[in-house]
Amino acid sequence: MTFDDLIATFEPRLAAAFREAFDEIRSSIVLARVIERLDRGDINGAVEAMQIEPEAFSALEIALQEAFNAGGTNAIGELPKVTDPQGNRVIWRFGVRNPAAEAILRELSSTMVTHITDDQRQGIRQALEAGLARGANPRSTALDVVGRVNRVSKQREGGVIGLTRHQIAFIERARLNLASGDPKLMGEYFELKTRDKRFDRTIAAAMREGKPITGDALTKVLGRLRDKNLLLRGEMLARTETMMALGSARDEAIRQQIEGGKVQAQDVTKIWRDAGDKRVRHTHRVLNGQAVGIDEVFQSPSGALLRYPGDPRAPVSEIAGCRCRLEYKIDHIGAVARRFRAEAV
């Protein structure tokens, strides 16, 4: 597989695993238990009743592990054929069970799941607080969060389960604006890139009449807004996590060859390659073609330092949605010459 093939393969897998995890969480929620705790004013208890636990993301972790393994294998597959002084071919291998590789993967997986669960709990908490604050009853507030059962599919739809806390706050603002009856505030809906344009006429008519969007109409508009934002959330998370797994694994694969004595660090150069299209962020387009040593870093015009595309140590602004990669060059001629000199001594 090429690097682009890896992205095309694992991004959809991670996105699907993300959606499936939240579908399972949503379908497992006992609504009565959430409502009962809201009735008591126990918002934290209502959040806990939804059981958003790390174990729910096992399939997502497995998909990340597979991407990591494929990334390391891909890196060594790109290395040139090299022979030692005796004429024997040097065999490049990536050990996914190598202690360093396992530690990197464990950190990536743990950080991903912790971020998802912590952000989700915080977002749900703020959604419940906002619902009760605007005067909605506990049942309506709970349904706005967990979604309502579709009479045909019998599955819960809508709700904010799976969205980031920022997306949840964004949708709550859309709710308040549409329900305000103020044409100026309602007009902000048309600036939303994730809106369902099929509702544009309905909202425009309500604005002309100075009427708010309420009831089932508001529920449908917000439901579609949530659905599109959830799809976007899954896609962005999948791209970012896939890139972090691939970039980390490729870097570790090269380091394993160095640790194994198959090549020296001084003989390895890494070259930044961007995706070559208009979606590449400016800071990465500037890096395209730059070459540094294996232990050196690339400095973005933003000031951020990156070991490789998708570097988990870099700011989110430098890795979210990134599709760049590194090309590894090995000066095997220089390496062989040094071995000959060493043997002669």
Protein backbone atom coordinates (compact mmCIF):
# COMPACT_ATOMS: atom_id res chain seq x y z
CA MET A 1 0.00 0.00 0.00
CA THR A 2 1.08 3.56 -0.69
CA PHE A 3 0.76 6.20 2.03
CA ASP A 4 -2.37 7.56 0.32
CA ASP A 5 -3.79 4.03 0.27
CA LEU A 6 -3.26 3.78 4.02
CA ILE A 7 -5.18 7.01 4.62
CA ALA A 8 -7.98 5.90 2.29
CA THR A 9 -8.19 2.56 4.12
CA PHE A 10 -7.95 3.53 7.77
CA GLU A 11 -9.75 6.86 7.90
CA PRO A 12 -13.11 5.24 7.03
CA ARG A 13 -12.41 2.38 9.49
CA LEU A 14 -11.78 4.74 12.38
CA ALA A 15 -14.74 6.94 11.45
CA ALA A 16 -17.04 3.90 11.32
CA ALA A 17 -15.73 2.58 14.65
CA PHE A 18 -16.30 6.02 16.19
CA ARG A 19 -19.92 6.12 14.98
CA GLU A 20 -20.58 2.56 16.08
CA ALA A 21 -19.26 3.28 19.58
CA PHE A 22 -21.66 6.16 20.05
CA ASP A 23 -24.54 4.27 18.42
CA GLU A 24 -24.01 1.56 21.04
CA ILE A 25 -23.77 4.10 23.87
CA ARG A 26 -26.93 5.86 22.68
CA SER A 27 -28.92 2.66 22.33
CA SER A 28 -27.84 1.42 25.76
CA ILE A 29 -28.98 4.50 27.67
CA VAL A 30 -31.89 3.90 30.03
CA LEU A 31 -33.85 7.11 29.55
CA ALA A 32 -35.91 6.71 32.73
CA ARG A 33 -32.74 6.59 34.82
CA VAL A 34 -31.44 9.82 33.26
CA ILE A 35 -34.79 11.58 33.75
CA GLU A 36 -35.07 10.41 37.36
CA ARG A 37 -31.70 11.95 38.21
CA LEU A 38 -32.54 15.18 36.42
CA ASP A 39 -35.77 15.32 38.43
CA ARG A 40 -33.57 15.36 41.53
CA GLY A 41 -31.33 18.04 40.05
CA ASP A 42 -28.44 15.58 39.90
CA ILE A 43 -26.84 16.53 36.60
CA ASN A 44 -23.59 14.69 37.31
CA GLY A 45 -25.61 11.58 38.13
CA ALA A 46 -27.50 11.92 34.83
CA VAL A 47 -24.19 12.09 32.95
CA GLU A 48 -22.89 9.01 34.77
CA ALA A 49 -26.13 7.16 33.98
CA MET A 50 -25.26 7.40 30.28
CA GLN A 51 -22.19 5.20 30.92
CA ILE A 52 -19.74 6.86 28.56
CA GLU A 53 -16.84 4.58 29.44
CA PRO A 54 -13.46 3.83 27.80
CA GLU A 55 -14.50 0.21 27.21
CA ALA A 56 -17.11 1.42 24.70
CA PHE A 57 -14.31 2.40 22.32
CA SER A 58 -12.54 -0.97 22.02
CA ALA A 59 -13.28 -1.25 18.29
CA LEU A 60 -11.86 2.23 17.75
CA GLU A 61 -8.69 1.28 19.62
CA ILE A 62 -8.32 -1.87 17.50
CA ALA A 63 -8.68 0.18 14.30
CA LEU A 64 -5.98 2.54 15.58
CA GLN A 65 -3.69 -0.41 16.33
CA GLU A 66 -4.16 -1.75 12.81
CA ALA A 67 -3.33 1.67 11.33
CA PHE A 68 -0.19 1.86 13.48
CA ASN A 69 1.01 -1.57 12.38
CA ALA A 70 0.30 -0.76 8.73
CA GLY A 71 2.16 2.53 9.03
CA GLY A 72 5.32 0.89 10.33
CA THR A 73 5.19 -1.81 7.68
CA ASN A 74 4.68 0.84 5.01
CA ALA A 75 7.77 2.78 6.14
CA ILE A 76 10.18 -0.14 5.88
CA GLY A 77 8.61 -1.15 2.58
CA GLU A 78 9.77 2.17 1.12
CA LEU A 79 13.40 1.72 2.19
CA PRO A 80 15.97 0.94 -0.54
CA LYS A 81 17.62 -2.42 -1.03
CA VAL A 82 20.94 -2.37 0.82
CA THR A 83 23.70 -4.96 1.14
CA ASP A 84 26.35 -5.27 3.83
CA PRO A 85 30.13 -5.47 3.06
CA GLN A 86 29.83 -9.24 2.56
CA GLY A 87 27.17 -8.73 -0.07
CA ASN A 88 24.29 -9.92 2.08
CA ARG A 89 21.02 -8.09 1.74
CA VAL A 90 19.97 -6.05 4.78
CA ILE A 91 16.45 -7.07 5.84
CA TRP A 92 14.26 -4.24 7.10
CA ARG A 93 11.62 -5.27 9.64
CA PHE A 94 9.11 -3.43 11.81
CA GLY A 95 8.31 -4.92 15.21
CA VAL A 96 4.91 -3.76 16.43
CA ARG A 97 5.62 -5.68 19.66
CA ASN A 98 8.86 -3.83 20.22
CA PRO A 99 8.64 -2.23 23.72
CA ALA A 100 9.07 1.28 22.33
CA ALA A 101 6.41 0.67 19.66
CA GLU A 102 4.00 -0.74 22.24
CA ALA A 103 4.56 2.28 24.51
CA ILE A 104 3.87 4.72 21.65
CA LEU A 105 0.72 2.87 20.62
CA ARG A 106 -0.50 2.62 24.21
CA GLU A 107 -0.05 6.38 24.66
CA LEU A 108 -1.83 7.19 21.39
CA SER A 109 -4.75 4.93 22.23
CA SER A 110 -5.09 6.08 25.83
CA THR A 111 -4.91 9.76 24.91
CA MET A 112 -7.51 9.36 22.17
CA VAL A 113 -10.06 7.57 24.35
CA THR A 114 -9.49 9.81 27.37
CA HIS A 115 -9.98 12.92 25.24
CA ILE A 116 -13.18 11.56 23.71
CA THR A 117 -14.75 10.47 27.01
CA ASP A 118 -13.74 13.55 29.01
CA ASP A 119 -14.88 15.96 26.31
CA GLN A 120 -18.13 14.03 25.87
CA ARG A 121 -19.02 14.07 29.56
CA GLN A 122 -18.29 17.77 29.77
CA GLY A 123 -20.34 18.51 26.66
CA ILE A 124 -23.32 16.48 27.85
CA ARG A 125 -23.17 18.16 31.24
CA GLN A 126 -23.35 21.61 29.64
CA ALA A 127 -26.19 20.49 27.35
CA LEU A 128 -28.23 19.25 30.31
CA GLU A 129 -27.55 22.45 32.23
CA ALA A 130 -28.58 24.57 29.24
CA GLY A 131 -31.80 22.60 28.76
CA LEU A 132 -32.90 22.97 32.36
CA ALA A 133 -31.81 26.63 32.42
CA ARG A 134 -34.09 27.52 29.50
CA GLY A 135 -37.03 25.94 31.32
CA ALA A 136 -37.32 22.60 29.54
CA ASN A 137 -38.57 19.73 31.71
CA PRO A 138 -36.24 16.83 32.58
CA ARG A 139 -37.74 14.49 29.97
CA SER A 140 -37.45 17.00 27.12
CA THR A 141 -33.93 17.93 28.24
CA ALA A 142 -32.87 14.28 28.30
CA LEU A 143 -34.36 13.61 24.85
CA ASP A 144 -32.57 16.63 23.40
CA VAL A 145 -29.32 15.06 24.57
CA VAL A 146 -29.78 11.33 23.88
CA GLY A 147 -32.07 11.67 20.85
CA ARG A 148 -35.58 10.50 20.09
CA VAL A 149 -36.65 7.06 18.87
CA ASN A 150 -37.56 6.93 15.18
CA ARG A 151 -40.92 5.18 14.91
CA VAL A 152 -39.87 3.40 11.74
CA SER A 153 -36.29 2.33 12.47
CA LYS A 154 -36.83 2.07 16.25
CA GLN A 155 -33.38 3.66 16.66
CA ARG A 156 -32.53 6.84 18.52
CA GLU A 157 -31.76 9.77 16.26
CA GLY A 158 -30.56 13.29 16.87
CA GLY A 159 -29.31 14.28 20.29
CA VAL A 160 -25.80 15.45 21.02
CA ILE A 161 -24.15 12.14 21.92
CA GLY A 162 -20.85 11.99 20.04
CA LEU A 163 -20.43 15.73 19.47
CA THR A 164 -17.62 17.76 21.02
CA ARG A 165 -18.50 20.23 23.76
CA HIS A 166 -17.83 23.06 21.29
CA GLN A 167 -20.25 21.57 18.76
CA ILE A 168 -22.85 21.13 21.49
CA ALA A 169 -22.51 24.80 22.47
CA PHE A 170 -22.69 25.76 18.78
CA ILE A 171 -25.98 23.88 18.31
CA GLU A 172 -27.42 25.35 21.50
CA ARG A 173 -26.76 28.83 20.10
CA ALA A 174 -28.53 27.82 16.88
CA ARG A 175 -31.51 26.68 18.98
CA LEU A 176 -31.72 29.99 20.85
CA ASN A 177 -31.35 32.02 17.66
CA LEU A 178 -34.04 30.13 15.74
CA ALA A 179 -36.44 30.16 18.68
CA SER A 180 -35.92 33.88 19.33
CA GLY A 181 -38.19 35.20 16.58
CA ASP A 182 -35.56 37.90 15.94
CA PRO A 183 -34.87 37.95 12.18
CA LYS A 184 -31.30 39.13 12.74
CA LEU A 185 -30.46 36.26 15.10
CA MET A 186 -32.38 33.73 13.01
CA GLY A 187 -30.44 34.86 9.94
CA GLU A 188 -27.22 33.57 11.51
CA TYR A 189 -28.49 30.07 10.66
CA PHE A 190 -27.71 30.71 6.97
CA GLU A 191 -24.04 31.18 7.84
CA LEU A 192 -23.77 27.60 9.14
CA LYS A 193 -21.86 25.35 6.74
CA THR A 194 -23.35 22.21 8.29
CA ARG A 195 -26.99 23.28 7.98
CA ASP A 196 -29.50 21.29 5.92
CA LYS A 197 -30.45 23.70 3.13
CA ARG A 198 -33.81 22.00 2.71
CA PHE A 199 -35.01 24.00 5.72
CA ASP A 200 -33.86 27.36 4.31
CA ARG A 201 -37.25 28.30 2.86
CA THR A 202 -39.09 27.49 6.06
CA ILE A 203 -36.72 29.58 8.15
CA ALA A 204 -36.70 32.47 5.64
CA ALA A 205 -40.51 32.56 5.71
CA ALA A 206 -40.54 32.60 9.52
CA MET A 207 -38.04 35.46 9.49
CA ARG A 208 -40.21 37.53 7.16
CA GLU A 209 -43.17 37.03 9.48
CA GLY A 210 -41.11 37.61 12.61
CA LYS A 211 -42.10 34.20 13.96
CA PRO A 212 -39.83 31.81 15.91
CA ILE A 213 -39.09 28.25 14.86
CA THR A 214 -40.52 25.99 17.56
CA GLY A 215 -41.87 22.50 18.26
CA ASP A 216 -41.33 19.70 15.74
CA ALA A 217 -39.95 22.10 13.14
CA LEU A 218 -37.16 23.20 15.49
CA THR A 219 -36.47 19.60 16.49
CA LYS A 220 -36.07 18.58 12.82
CA VAL A 221 -33.79 21.50 11.96
CA LEU A 222 -31.55 20.90 14.96
CA GLY A 223 -31.62 17.14 14.38
CA ARG A 224 -30.17 17.52 10.90
CA LEU A 225 -27.63 20.04 12.18
CA ARG A 226 -26.54 17.54 14.81
CA ASP A 227 -26.33 14.69 12.29
CA LYS A 228 -24.08 16.66 9.95
CA ASN A 229 -21.88 17.83 12.80
CA LEU A 230 -21.57 14.27 14.10
CA LEU A 231 -20.50 13.09 10.65
CA LEU A 232 -17.93 15.91 10.50
CA ARG A 233 -16.73 15.08 14.02
CA GLY A 234 -16.14 11.43 13.10
CA GLU A 235 -14.33 12.32 9.89
CA MET A 236 -12.02 14.86 11.53
CA LEU A 237 -11.21 12.58 14.46
CA ALA A 238 -10.53 9.68 12.10
CA ARG A 239 -8.20 11.76 9.92
CA THR A 240 -6.27 13.21 12.84
CA GLU A 241 -5.91 9.91 14.72
CA THR A 242 -5.02 8.00 11.55
CA MET A 243 -2.30 10.50 10.74
CA MET A 244 -0.91 10.35 14.28
CA ALA A 245 -0.81 6.56 14.14
CA LEU A 246 0.81 6.44 10.70
CA GLY A 247 3.34 9.20 11.42
CA SER A 248 4.32 7.77 14.81
CA ALA A 249 4.66 4.24 13.44
CA ARG A 250 6.75 5.30 10.45
CA ASP A 251 9.11 7.25 12.70
CA GLU A 252 9.42 4.30 15.11
CA ALA A 253 10.02 1.88 12.21
CA ILE A 254 13.06 3.85 11.09
CA ARG A 255 14.37 4.09 14.64
CA GLN A 256 14.10 0.33 15.01
CA GLN A 257 16.44 -0.10 12.03
CA ILE A 258 18.92 2.28 13.69
CA GLU A 259 18.67 0.49 17.04
CA GLY A 260 19.15 -2.82 15.27
CA GLY A 261 22.44 -1.62 13.79
CA LYS A 262 21.17 -1.89 10.22
CA VAL A 263 21.76 1.79 9.55
CA GLN A 264 23.26 4.71 11.43
CA ALA A 265 21.25 7.77 12.42
CA GLN A 266 23.62 10.02 10.47
CA ASP A 267 22.72 8.18 7.27
CA VAL A 268 18.97 8.85 7.56
CA THR A 269 17.31 12.00 6.20
CA LYS A 270 13.62 12.76 6.41
CA ILE A 271 11.97 14.99 3.79
CA TRP A 272 8.58 16.69 4.24
CA ARG A 273 6.07 16.03 1.46
CA ASP A 274 2.71 17.77 1.44
CA ALA A 275 -0.46 16.37 -0.12
CA GLY A 276 0.01 18.56 -3.19
CA ASP A 277 -3.45 20.12 -3.37
CA LYS A 278 -5.24 23.32 -2.40
CA ARG A 279 -6.34 21.92 0.96
CA VAL A 280 -2.76 21.86 2.34
CA ARG A 281 -2.39 24.45 5.13
CA HIS A 282 0.03 27.26 4.29
CA THR A 283 2.42 26.36 7.11
CA HIS A 284 2.88 22.87 5.65
CA ARG A 285 3.17 24.01 2.06
CA VAL A 286 6.18 26.04 3.17
CA LEU A 287 7.73 22.89 4.67
CA ASN A 288 7.35 20.88 1.47
CA GLY A 289 10.72 19.54 0.31
CA GLN A 290 12.60 20.53 3.46
CA ALA A 291 15.05 17.86 4.69
CA VAL A 292 16.38 17.29 8.20
CA GLY A 293 18.14 14.50 10.08
CA ILE A 294 16.23 11.73 11.82
CA ASP A 295 16.66 13.38 15.24
CA GLU A 296 15.93 16.90 14.02
CA VAL A 297 12.55 18.64 13.76
CA PHE A 298 10.73 20.74 11.19
CA GLN A 299 9.88 24.27 12.26
CA SER A 300 6.53 25.52 11.02
CA PRO A 301 6.16 29.23 10.19
CA SER A 302 3.75 29.26 13.13
CA GLY A 303 6.70 28.48 15.40
CA ALA A 304 5.53 24.92 16.12
CA LEU A 305 8.09 22.12 16.01
CA LEU A 306 7.11 18.85 14.34
CA ARG A 307 9.03 15.59 14.26
CA TYR A 308 6.71 14.39 11.50
CA PRO A 309 3.20 15.04 10.11
CA GLY A 310 0.65 14.06 12.74
CA ASP A 311 3.15 14.52 15.58
CA PRO A 312 1.03 14.13 18.75
CA ARG A 313 3.33 16.58 20.55
CA ALA A 314 2.49 19.37 18.09
CA PRO A 315 -0.41 21.83 18.53
CA VAL A 316 -3.80 20.68 17.25
CA SER A 317 -3.74 23.57 14.76
CA GLU A 318 -0.78 21.86 13.03
CA ILE A 319 -2.09 18.29 12.92
CA ALA A 320 -5.89 18.39 12.60
CA GLY A 321 -6.83 17.30 9.09
CA CYS A 322 -3.17 17.07 7.98
CA ARG A 323 -2.43 14.68 5.08
CA CYS A 324 1.31 15.32 4.66
CA ARG A 325 3.94 12.59 4.99
CA LEU A 326 7.68 12.10 5.31
CA GLU A 327 9.98 10.52 2.75
CA TYR A 328 12.93 8.74 4.38
CA LYS A 329 16.24 8.69 2.50
CA ILE A 330 19.13 6.43 3.49
CA ASP A 331 22.68 7.18 2.40
CA HIS A 332 23.53 3.51 2.04
CA ILE A 333 26.63 4.25 -0.03
CA GLY A 334 28.09 6.28 2.81
CA ALA A 335 27.04 3.63 5.28
CA VAL A 336 28.75 0.83 3.36
CA ALA A 337 31.93 2.91 2.98
CA ARG A 338 32.12 3.44 6.73
CA ARG A 339 31.66 -0.28 7.35
CA PHE A 340 34.50 -1.10 5.01
CA ARG A 341 36.75 1.39 6.76
CA ALA A 342 35.80 -0.01 10.14
CA GLU A 343 36.56 -3.60 9.04
CA ALA A 344 39.89 -2.53 7.55
CA VAL A 345 40.94 -1.06 10.89
